[in-house]
Amino acid sequence: MAVSLKGCYTVKPWEKTWCGRLALSELDQTGQVTHVPTLYFYHPPENCMYSTIASTLRDSLSRVLVPFYTLAGRLHWINNGRLELHCNASGRCLKLCFDLSI
């Protein structure tokens, strides 16, 4: 499958969200810190423009980041090798790609 990157966006919450620091639980402190990328495949609707798909996905992610504002934050190391979540509305990365074989 040949894939073409059409856009890379930083999507921030639609509305202002709480900003501050959250301590992680002991369970959250155990294990390996890793990034888990998620990849979704969709069949585009007939006669639908790329710009419409991209705009809808960006808008939807932006709106869902309001109630799930912690997902728009960043993890930071603090004293004694512990992690803390900085809720700062930094946003999430959204990359839009298309299969060139379709």
C-alpha atoms as a PDB file:
ATOM      1  CA  MET A   1       0.000   0.000   0.000  1.00  0.00           C
ATOM      2  CA  ALA A   2       1.385   3.398  -0.986  1.00  0.00           C
ATOM      3  CA  VAL A   3       0.367   6.192   1.361  1.00  0.00           C
ATOM      4  CA  SER A   4       0.653   9.928   0.870  1.00  0.00           C
ATOM      5  CA  LEU A   5       0.757  12.364   3.814  1.00  0.00           C
ATOM      6  CA  LYS A   6      -1.736  15.137   3.065  1.00  0.00           C
ATOM      7  CA  GLY A   7      -1.607  17.119   6.285  1.00  0.00           C
ATOM      8  CA  CYS A   8      -0.180  17.303   9.789  1.00  0.00           C
ATOM      9  CA  TYR A   9      -2.054  19.387  12.363  1.00  0.00           C
ATOM     10  CA  THR A  10      -1.834  20.226  16.033  1.00  0.00           C
ATOM     11  CA  VAL A  11      -5.438  20.167  17.210  1.00  0.00           C
ATOM     12  CA  LYS A  12      -6.229  22.074  20.410  1.00  0.00           C
ATOM     13  CA  PRO A  13      -9.422  21.987  22.498  1.00  0.00           C
ATOM     14  CA  TRP A  14     -12.367  23.891  21.014  1.00  0.00           C
ATOM     15  CA  GLU A  15     -13.007  25.813  24.247  1.00  0.00           C
ATOM     16  CA  LYS A  16     -10.878  26.943  27.158  1.00  0.00           C
ATOM     17  CA  THR A  17     -10.118  24.045  29.506  1.00  0.00           C
ATOM     18  CA  TRP A  18      -8.745  23.733  33.010  1.00  0.00           C
ATOM     19  CA  CYS A  19      -4.989  24.249  33.155  1.00  0.00           C
ATOM     20  CA  GLY A  20      -2.816  22.930  35.933  1.00  0.00           C
ATOM     21  CA  ARG A  21      -0.828  19.956  37.098  1.00  0.00           C
ATOM     22  CA  LEU A  22      -2.180  16.538  38.029  1.00  0.00           C
ATOM     23  CA  ALA A  23      -0.237  13.998  40.036  1.00  0.00           C
ATOM     24  CA  LEU A  24      -0.348  10.510  38.584  1.00  0.00           C
ATOM     25  CA  SER A  25      -1.394   7.543  40.706  1.00  0.00           C
ATOM     26  CA  GLU A  26       1.080   4.918  41.856  1.00  0.00           C
ATOM     27  CA  LEU A  27      -0.293   2.569  39.200  1.00  0.00           C
ATOM     28  CA  ASP A  28       0.375   5.194  36.522  1.00  0.00           C
ATOM     29  CA  GLN A  29       3.973   5.492  37.766  1.00  0.00           C
ATOM     30  CA  THR A  30       4.750   1.828  37.109  1.00  0.00           C
ATOM     31  CA  GLY A  31       5.657   0.267  33.798  1.00  0.00           C
ATOM     32  CA  GLN A  32       7.333   1.716  30.783  1.00  0.00           C
ATOM     33  CA  VAL A  33       6.576   5.197  29.514  1.00  0.00           C
ATOM     34  CA  THR A  34       5.797   4.872  25.838  1.00  0.00           C
ATOM     35  CA  HIS A  35       3.878   6.557  23.061  1.00  0.00           C
ATOM     36  CA  VAL A  36       1.102   4.522  21.493  1.00  0.00           C
ATOM     37  CA  PRO A  37       0.281   5.823  18.017  1.00  0.00           C
ATOM     38  CA  THR A  38      -3.166   4.962  16.747  1.00  0.00           C
ATOM     39  CA  LEU A  39      -3.962   4.467  13.088  1.00  0.00           C
ATOM     40  CA  TYR A  40      -7.494   4.411  11.667  1.00  0.00           C
ATOM     41  CA  PHE A  41      -8.570   3.509   8.141  1.00  0.00           C
ATOM     42  CA  TYR A  42     -11.752   4.895   6.570  1.00  0.00           C
ATOM     43  CA  HIS A  43     -13.309   4.532   3.144  1.00  0.00           C
ATOM     44  CA  PRO A  44     -14.051   8.041   1.891  1.00  0.00           C
ATOM     45  CA  PRO A  45     -17.655   8.784   0.948  1.00  0.00           C
ATOM     46  CA  GLU A  46     -18.405   9.220  -2.741  1.00  0.00           C
ATOM     47  CA  ASN A  47     -17.743  12.710  -4.129  1.00  0.00           C
ATOM     48  CA  CYS A  48     -16.261  13.956  -0.862  1.00  0.00           C
ATOM     49  CA  MET A  49     -13.415  16.447  -0.972  1.00  0.00           C
ATOM     50  CA  TYR A  50     -10.216  15.979   1.052  1.00  0.00           C
ATOM     51  CA  SER A  51     -10.702  19.408   2.629  1.00  0.00           C
ATOM     52  CA  THR A  52     -14.154  18.400   3.929  1.00  0.00           C
ATOM     53  CA  ILE A  53     -12.807  15.196   5.497  1.00  0.00           C
ATOM     54  CA  ALA A  54      -9.829  17.003   7.045  1.00  0.00           C
ATOM     55  CA  SER A  55     -11.983  19.806   8.423  1.00  0.00           C
ATOM     56  CA  THR A  56     -14.512  17.377   9.937  1.00  0.00           C
ATOM     57  CA  LEU A  57     -11.812  15.285  11.628  1.00  0.00           C
ATOM     58  CA  ARG A  58     -10.002  18.349  13.029  1.00  0.00           C
ATOM     59  CA  ASP A  59     -13.258  19.874  14.273  1.00  0.00           C
ATOM     60  CA  SER A  60     -14.406  16.619  15.895  1.00  0.00           C
ATOM     61  CA  LEU A  61     -11.090  16.049  17.669  1.00  0.00           C
ATOM     62  CA  SER A  62     -11.027  19.655  18.853  1.00  0.00           C
ATOM     63  CA  ARG A  63     -14.504  19.327  20.360  1.00  0.00           C
ATOM     64  CA  VAL A  64     -13.801  15.999  22.092  1.00  0.00           C
ATOM     65  CA  LEU A  65     -10.647  17.434  23.692  1.00  0.00           C
ATOM     66  CA  VAL A  66     -12.841  19.738  25.825  1.00  0.00           C
ATOM     67  CA  PRO A  67     -14.318  17.047  28.123  1.00  0.00           C
ATOM     68  CA  PHE A  68     -11.171  14.929  27.752  1.00  0.00           C
ATOM     69  CA  TYR A  69      -8.804  17.860  28.360  1.00  0.00           C
ATOM     70  CA  THR A  70      -6.159  15.653  29.981  1.00  0.00           C
ATOM     71  CA  LEU A  71      -5.457  14.137  26.543  1.00  0.00           C
ATOM     72  CA  ALA A  72      -4.385  17.593  25.323  1.00  0.00           C
ATOM     73  CA  GLY A  73      -1.741  17.869  28.060  1.00  0.00           C
ATOM     74  CA  ARG A  74       1.833  16.684  28.358  1.00  0.00           C
ATOM     75  CA  LEU A  75       3.672  14.345  30.716  1.00  0.00           C
ATOM     76  CA  HIS A  76       6.666  15.783  32.555  1.00  0.00           C
ATOM     77  CA  TRP A  77       9.258  14.229  34.818  1.00  0.00           C
ATOM     78  CA  ILE A  78       9.399  15.690  38.319  1.00  0.00           C
ATOM     79  CA  ASN A  79      11.429  14.928  41.463  1.00  0.00           C
ATOM     80  CA  ASN A  80      12.452  11.362  42.290  1.00  0.00           C
ATOM     81  CA  GLY A  81      11.809  10.105  38.742  1.00  0.00           C
ATOM     82  CA  ARG A  82       8.036  10.537  38.948  1.00  0.00           C
ATOM     83  CA  LEU A  83       5.684  11.716  36.231  1.00  0.00           C
ATOM     84  CA  GLU A  84       3.144  14.502  36.404  1.00  0.00           C
ATOM     85  CA  LEU A  85       0.517  15.534  33.850  1.00  0.00           C
ATOM     86  CA  HIS A  86       0.531  19.173  32.831  1.00  0.00           C
ATOM     87  CA  CYS A  87      -2.950  20.027  31.595  1.00  0.00           C
ATOM     88  CA  ASN A  88      -2.092  22.932  29.326  1.00  0.00           C
ATOM     89  CA  ALA A  89      -4.259  22.520  26.195  1.00  0.00           C
ATOM     90  CA  SER A  90      -1.175  21.913  24.032  1.00  0.00           C
ATOM     91  CA  GLY A  91      -3.270  19.712  21.767  1.00  0.00           C
ATOM     92  CA  ARG A  92      -2.772  16.467  19.868  1.00  0.00           C
ATOM     93  CA  CYS A  93      -1.100  15.696  16.578  1.00  0.00           C
ATOM     94  CA  LEU A  94      -3.403  14.643  13.737  1.00  0.00           C
ATOM     95  CA  LYS A  95      -1.865  13.327  10.525  1.00  0.00           C
ATOM     96  CA  LEU A  96      -4.074  12.737   7.499  1.00  0.00           C
ATOM     97  CA  CYS A  97      -2.911  10.316   4.834  1.00  0.00           C
ATOM     98  CA  PHE A  98      -4.469   8.788   1.753  1.00  0.00           C
ATOM     99  CA  ASP A  99      -3.953   5.442   0.038  1.00  0.00           C
ATOM    100  CA  LEU A 100      -2.618   6.186  -3.436  1.00  0.00           C
ATOM    101  CA  SER A 101      -3.785   2.850  -4.835  1.00  0.00           C
ATOM    102  CA  ILE A 102      -7.488   3.700  -4.506  1.00  0.00           C
END
